[in-house]
N, C-alpha and C. Protein backbone atom coordinates (compact mmCIF):
# COMPACT_ATOMS: atom_id res chain seq x y z
N MET A 1 10.79 15.78 -8.79
CA MET A 1 11.33 14.88 -7.79
C MET A 1 10.24 13.90 -7.37
N LYS A 2 10.60 12.62 -7.27
CA LYS A 2 9.65 11.60 -6.87
C LYS A 2 9.40 11.64 -5.38
N LYS A 3 8.18 11.37 -5.02
CA LYS A 3 7.77 11.32 -3.63
C LYS A 3 7.99 9.90 -3.11
N GLU A 4 8.52 9.77 -1.91
CA GLU A 4 8.72 8.44 -1.33
C GLU A 4 7.38 7.92 -0.81
N ILE A 5 7.10 6.67 -1.10
CA ILE A 5 5.83 6.07 -0.71
C ILE A 5 6.06 5.15 0.49
N SER A 6 5.24 5.34 1.51
CA SER A 6 5.32 4.48 2.68
C SER A 6 4.21 3.43 2.59
N PHE A 7 4.59 2.17 2.51
CA PHE A 7 3.60 1.11 2.46
C PHE A 7 3.15 0.71 3.87
N GLU A 8 3.57 1.47 4.86
CA GLU A 8 3.11 1.24 6.22
C GLU A 8 1.74 1.89 6.44
N LYS A 9 1.36 2.79 5.51
CA LYS A 9 0.05 3.43 5.59
C LYS A 9 -1.01 2.43 5.16
N ASN A 10 -2.20 2.54 5.72
CA ASN A 10 -3.30 1.66 5.34
C ASN A 10 -3.90 2.04 4.00
N TYR A 11 -3.82 3.32 3.65
CA TYR A 11 -4.40 3.81 2.41
C TYR A 11 -3.40 4.68 1.66
N LEU A 12 -3.47 4.61 0.33
CA LEU A 12 -2.63 5.43 -0.54
C LEU A 12 -3.51 6.47 -1.23
N THR A 13 -2.88 7.52 -1.70
CA THR A 13 -3.59 8.54 -2.47
C THR A 13 -3.36 8.30 -3.96
N VAL A 14 -4.10 9.02 -4.78
CA VAL A 14 -3.89 8.94 -6.22
C VAL A 14 -2.46 9.37 -6.56
N ALA A 15 -1.95 10.36 -5.85
CA ALA A 15 -0.57 10.81 -6.07
C ALA A 15 0.43 9.70 -5.76
N ASP A 16 0.16 8.91 -4.72
CA ASP A 16 1.03 7.77 -4.38
C ASP A 16 1.03 6.75 -5.51
N ILE A 17 -0.16 6.46 -6.04
CA ILE A 17 -0.30 5.49 -7.13
C ILE A 17 0.44 5.99 -8.37
N LYS A 18 0.27 7.27 -8.66
CA LYS A 18 0.95 7.91 -9.80
C LYS A 18 2.46 7.73 -9.68
N SER A 19 2.99 8.03 -8.51
CA SER A 19 4.42 7.94 -8.28
C SER A 19 4.92 6.50 -8.34
N TYR A 20 4.20 5.58 -7.72
CA TYR A 20 4.63 4.18 -7.67
C TYR A 20 4.66 3.55 -9.06
N LEU A 21 3.64 3.84 -9.87
CA LEU A 21 3.55 3.23 -11.19
C LEU A 21 4.21 4.06 -12.29
N CYS A 22 4.69 5.25 -11.93
CA CYS A 22 5.33 6.16 -12.90
C CYS A 22 4.38 6.44 -14.08
N ILE A 23 3.18 6.86 -13.73
CA ILE A 23 2.17 7.17 -14.74
C ILE A 23 1.69 8.60 -14.52
N SER A 24 0.93 9.11 -15.46
CA SER A 24 0.42 10.48 -15.36
C SER A 24 -0.71 10.54 -14.33
N THR A 25 -1.03 11.74 -13.92
CA THR A 25 -2.15 11.94 -12.99
C THR A 25 -3.44 11.45 -13.63
N THR A 26 -3.62 11.76 -14.90
CA THR A 26 -4.83 11.33 -15.61
C THR A 26 -4.94 9.81 -15.61
N ALA A 27 -3.84 9.12 -15.91
CA ALA A 27 -3.84 7.65 -15.92
C ALA A 27 -4.15 7.09 -14.53
N ALA A 28 -3.64 7.73 -13.50
CA ALA A 28 -3.89 7.28 -12.13
C ALA A 28 -5.38 7.41 -11.80
N TYR A 29 -5.98 8.53 -12.18
CA TYR A 29 -7.42 8.71 -11.95
C TYR A 29 -8.24 7.73 -12.78
N GLU A 30 -7.79 7.44 -13.98
CA GLU A 30 -8.49 6.46 -14.82
C GLU A 30 -8.49 5.08 -14.16
N LEU A 31 -7.39 4.72 -13.51
CA LEU A 31 -7.35 3.45 -12.79
C LEU A 31 -8.44 3.37 -11.73
N THR A 32 -8.68 4.49 -11.04
CA THR A 32 -9.67 4.49 -9.96
C THR A 32 -11.09 4.28 -10.47
N HIS A 33 -11.29 4.37 -11.78
CA HIS A 33 -12.62 4.15 -12.36
C HIS A 33 -12.78 2.74 -12.92
N ARG A 34 -11.71 1.94 -12.89
CA ARG A 34 -11.81 0.55 -13.36
C ARG A 34 -12.61 -0.27 -12.36
N LYS A 35 -13.39 -1.20 -12.88
CA LYS A 35 -14.22 -2.06 -12.02
C LYS A 35 -13.38 -2.98 -11.14
N ASP A 36 -12.18 -3.36 -11.62
CA ASP A 36 -11.35 -4.30 -10.87
C ASP A 36 -10.30 -3.63 -9.99
N PHE A 37 -10.31 -2.31 -9.91
CA PHE A 37 -9.31 -1.58 -9.13
C PHE A 37 -9.86 -1.26 -7.75
N PRO A 38 -9.11 -1.58 -6.68
CA PRO A 38 -9.61 -1.34 -5.32
C PRO A 38 -9.57 0.15 -4.96
N VAL A 39 -10.70 0.70 -4.65
CA VAL A 39 -10.76 2.13 -4.33
C VAL A 39 -11.83 2.38 -3.27
N CYS A 40 -11.56 3.35 -2.43
CA CYS A 40 -12.49 3.76 -1.38
C CYS A 40 -12.77 5.25 -1.61
N ARG A 41 -14.01 5.58 -1.87
CA ARG A 41 -14.39 6.98 -2.10
C ARG A 41 -15.05 7.53 -0.85
N LEU A 42 -14.50 8.62 -0.35
CA LEU A 42 -15.02 9.28 0.84
C LEU A 42 -15.36 10.71 0.46
N GLY A 43 -16.60 10.94 0.07
CA GLY A 43 -16.97 12.24 -0.46
C GLY A 43 -16.22 12.46 -1.76
N SER A 44 -15.45 13.53 -1.83
CA SER A 44 -14.66 13.79 -3.04
C SER A 44 -13.24 13.22 -2.94
N SER A 45 -12.92 12.61 -1.81
CA SER A 45 -11.59 12.03 -1.62
C SER A 45 -11.54 10.60 -2.14
N ILE A 46 -10.40 10.24 -2.71
CA ILE A 46 -10.18 8.89 -3.21
C ILE A 46 -9.00 8.30 -2.45
N ARG A 47 -9.21 7.15 -1.86
CA ARG A 47 -8.14 6.44 -1.17
C ARG A 47 -8.10 5.01 -1.69
N ILE A 48 -6.89 4.47 -1.75
CA ILE A 48 -6.69 3.11 -2.25
C ILE A 48 -6.10 2.27 -1.12
N PRO A 49 -6.78 1.20 -0.71
CA PRO A 49 -6.23 0.34 0.35
C PRO A 49 -4.88 -0.24 -0.10
N THR A 50 -3.85 -0.01 0.68
CA THR A 50 -2.49 -0.37 0.32
C THR A 50 -2.33 -1.84 -0.05
N GLN A 51 -2.78 -2.74 0.82
CA GLN A 51 -2.58 -4.17 0.57
C GLN A 51 -3.36 -4.64 -0.65
N LEU A 52 -4.56 -4.11 -0.85
CA LEU A 52 -5.34 -4.48 -2.03
C LEU A 52 -4.71 -3.93 -3.30
N PHE A 53 -4.12 -2.74 -3.21
CA PHE A 53 -3.42 -2.17 -4.37
C PHE A 53 -2.22 -3.04 -4.75
N LEU A 54 -1.42 -3.43 -3.77
CA LEU A 54 -0.25 -4.26 -4.05
C LEU A 54 -0.67 -5.61 -4.64
N ALA A 55 -1.78 -6.18 -4.15
CA ALA A 55 -2.29 -7.43 -4.71
C ALA A 55 -2.76 -7.22 -6.14
N TRP A 56 -3.40 -6.08 -6.41
CA TRP A 56 -3.85 -5.76 -7.77
C TRP A 56 -2.67 -5.65 -8.72
N VAL A 57 -1.61 -4.97 -8.28
CA VAL A 57 -0.41 -4.82 -9.11
C VAL A 57 0.19 -6.20 -9.40
N GLU A 58 0.29 -7.03 -8.38
CA GLU A 58 0.86 -8.37 -8.57
C GLU A 58 0.01 -9.18 -9.57
N LYS A 59 -1.30 -9.08 -9.44
CA LYS A 59 -2.20 -9.82 -10.34
C LYS A 59 -2.06 -9.35 -11.78
N HIS A 60 -1.76 -8.08 -11.98
CA HIS A 60 -1.68 -7.51 -13.32
C HIS A 60 -0.25 -7.38 -13.84
N THR A 61 0.69 -8.02 -13.15
CA THR A 61 2.08 -8.00 -13.58
C THR A 61 2.41 -9.31 -14.28
N HIS A 62 2.87 -9.20 -15.50
CA HIS A 62 3.26 -10.39 -16.26
C HIS A 62 4.77 -10.58 -16.10
N ILE A 63 5.16 -11.76 -15.66
CA ILE A 63 6.58 -12.08 -15.52
C ILE A 63 6.90 -13.18 -16.53
N PRO A 64 7.79 -12.88 -17.48
CA PRO A 64 8.16 -13.89 -18.48
C PRO A 64 8.68 -15.16 -17.81
N ALA A 65 8.42 -16.29 -18.43
CA ALA A 65 8.78 -17.60 -17.86
C ALA A 65 10.26 -17.70 -17.53
N ASP A 66 11.13 -17.15 -18.39
CA ASP A 66 12.56 -17.27 -18.12
C ASP A 66 12.97 -16.51 -16.86
N LEU A 67 12.29 -15.43 -16.55
CA LEU A 67 12.60 -14.69 -15.31
C LEU A 67 11.96 -15.36 -14.10
N ALA A 68 10.74 -15.87 -14.27
CA ALA A 68 10.03 -16.51 -13.17
C ALA A 68 10.76 -17.77 -12.70
N SER A 69 11.36 -18.50 -13.64
CA SER A 69 12.04 -19.74 -13.28
C SER A 69 13.46 -19.51 -12.75
N ALA A 70 13.94 -18.28 -12.88
CA ALA A 70 15.31 -17.98 -12.44
C ALA A 70 15.42 -17.99 -10.92
N ASN A 71 14.29 -17.85 -10.22
CA ASN A 71 14.28 -17.86 -8.76
C ASN A 71 15.23 -16.84 -8.15
N LYS A 72 15.33 -15.67 -8.77
CA LYS A 72 16.21 -14.64 -8.28
C LYS A 72 15.43 -13.65 -7.44
N GLU A 73 16.08 -13.17 -6.39
CA GLU A 73 15.46 -12.15 -5.56
C GLU A 73 15.74 -10.79 -6.18
N VAL A 74 14.71 -9.99 -6.30
CA VAL A 74 14.84 -8.67 -6.89
C VAL A 74 14.42 -7.63 -5.87
N THR A 75 15.22 -6.60 -5.71
CA THR A 75 14.89 -5.51 -4.81
C THR A 75 14.46 -4.32 -5.64
N LEU A 76 13.30 -3.74 -5.32
CA LEU A 76 12.76 -2.60 -6.04
C LEU A 76 12.83 -1.39 -5.14
N TYR A 77 13.49 -0.36 -5.62
CA TYR A 77 13.58 0.89 -4.88
C TYR A 77 12.70 1.91 -5.55
N VAL A 78 11.83 2.54 -4.79
CA VAL A 78 10.93 3.57 -5.31
C VAL A 78 11.30 4.89 -4.66
N GLY A 79 11.42 5.89 -5.47
CA GLY A 79 11.67 7.20 -4.89
C GLY A 79 12.83 7.92 -5.46
């Protein structure tokens, strides 16, 4: 069962990232080691600033020209 993610939180966990992107736990942890991925390490804890994560996803999302020019509103439901 998918966990519902609240973007009202200031920080997300690796589990939140895993759920949002529908990737494995290993892949989520690998993201936290990328130089361009926003991460805050507090001892052994890893937290991802929510707004920076969403900006990172937007920057790394490719939208084909035919969809971008359609000017359609899309609603994404997670969970």
